[in-house]
Amino acid sequence: MLVWEIAYARAPDLLAQEGDVSGGPFLGRLERQLERGARLKMCVKAPEWARHVFAEGSTADPQARPSFSAIVASLETAEA
């Protein structure tokens, strides 16, 4: 999430981004959005490396997400 916060300079809000204005408990609504596959969208103006790291780190399958050391290694080779 930190990459998203840096790119947008504000706290992430999946419910607002998805237009979920329905009632009910916040965590329940958030869980429903995540279960249906909703993920925060990264700004197209963000650098390619930021979009890449964000996309890999926000996959639904935790086993498919890169380790911290893999992220660091990819950032060390990324173009500024």
Protein backbone atom coordinates (compact mmCIF):
# COMPACT_ATOMS: atom_id res chain seq x y z
CA MET A 1 0.00 0.00 0.00
CA LEU A 2 2.86 2.37 0.68
CA VAL A 3 3.66 2.60 -3.04
CA TRP A 4 0.04 3.58 -3.71
CA GLU A 5 0.11 6.18 -0.92
CA ILE A 6 3.30 7.70 -2.32
CA ALA A 7 1.86 7.86 -5.85
CA TYR A 8 -1.43 9.45 -4.75
CA ALA A 9 -0.24 11.36 -1.65
CA ARG A 10 -3.26 10.19 0.35
CA ALA A 11 -4.54 7.15 2.21
CA PRO A 12 -5.87 4.31 0.04
CA ASP A 13 -9.63 3.82 -0.03
CA LEU A 14 -10.78 0.84 -2.07
CA LEU A 15 -14.44 1.41 -1.20
CA ALA A 16 -14.37 4.96 -2.54
CA GLN A 17 -12.48 3.90 -5.65
CA GLU A 18 -15.02 1.15 -6.33
CA GLY A 19 -17.96 3.46 -5.63
CA ASP A 20 -19.21 1.26 -2.77
CA VAL A 21 -21.58 3.57 -0.91
CA SER A 22 -23.79 0.77 0.39
CA GLY A 23 -24.50 0.58 4.07
CA GLY A 24 -23.20 -1.90 6.54
CA PRO A 25 -20.03 -2.41 8.51
CA PHE A 26 -16.87 -1.08 6.86
CA LEU A 27 -14.90 -4.33 7.16
CA GLY A 28 -17.77 -6.37 5.74
CA ARG A 29 -18.02 -4.11 2.69
CA LEU A 30 -14.25 -4.16 2.24
CA GLU A 31 -14.18 -7.95 2.47
CA ARG A 32 -16.89 -8.27 -0.19
CA GLN A 33 -14.93 -6.02 -2.56
CA LEU A 34 -11.72 -7.99 -2.04
CA GLU A 35 -13.51 -11.33 -2.47
CA ARG A 36 -14.92 -10.22 -5.80
CA GLY A 37 -11.38 -9.38 -6.91
CA ALA A 38 -11.37 -5.61 -6.52
CA ARG A 39 -7.93 -4.11 -5.98
CA LEU A 40 -6.72 -0.54 -5.77
CA LYS A 41 -5.81 0.86 -9.14
CA MET A 42 -2.44 2.54 -9.62
CA CYS A 43 -2.26 5.89 -11.35
CA VAL A 44 -1.09 5.58 -14.97
CA LYS A 45 1.18 8.57 -14.36
CA ALA A 46 3.09 6.64 -11.69
CA PRO A 47 6.51 5.36 -12.74
CA GLU A 48 6.57 1.94 -14.39
CA TRP A 49 8.55 0.45 -11.49
CA ALA A 50 5.92 1.62 -8.99
CA ARG A 51 3.06 0.18 -11.04
CA HIS A 52 4.95 -3.11 -11.42
CA VAL A 53 5.75 -3.45 -7.70
CA PHE A 54 2.20 -2.51 -6.76
CA ALA A 55 0.63 -4.99 -9.19
CA GLU A 56 2.81 -7.87 -8.02
CA GLY A 57 2.26 -7.07 -4.35
CA SER A 58 -1.51 -6.84 -4.57
CA THR A 59 -2.28 -10.19 -6.19
CA ALA A 60 -5.01 -12.19 -4.46
CA ASP A 61 -2.81 -15.26 -3.92
CA PRO A 62 -0.33 -14.55 -1.11
CA GLN A 63 1.99 -17.27 -2.44
CA ALA A 64 2.28 -15.40 -5.75
CA ARG A 65 3.38 -12.17 -4.10
CA PRO A 66 7.09 -11.36 -4.20
CA SER A 67 9.16 -11.44 -1.03
CA PHE A 68 10.54 -8.23 0.38
CA SER A 69 14.03 -9.15 -0.79
CA ALA A 70 12.71 -9.76 -4.33
CA ILE A 71 11.04 -6.34 -4.30
CA VAL A 72 14.25 -4.69 -3.12
CA ALA A 73 16.23 -6.48 -5.84
CA SER A 74 13.78 -5.35 -8.54
CA LEU A 75 13.90 -1.75 -7.26
CA GLU A 76 17.71 -1.77 -7.32
CA THR A 77 17.63 -2.57 -11.02
CA ALA A 78 14.69 -0.29 -11.90
CA GLU A 79 15.20 2.80 -13.97
CA ALA A 80 14.43 6.03 -12.15
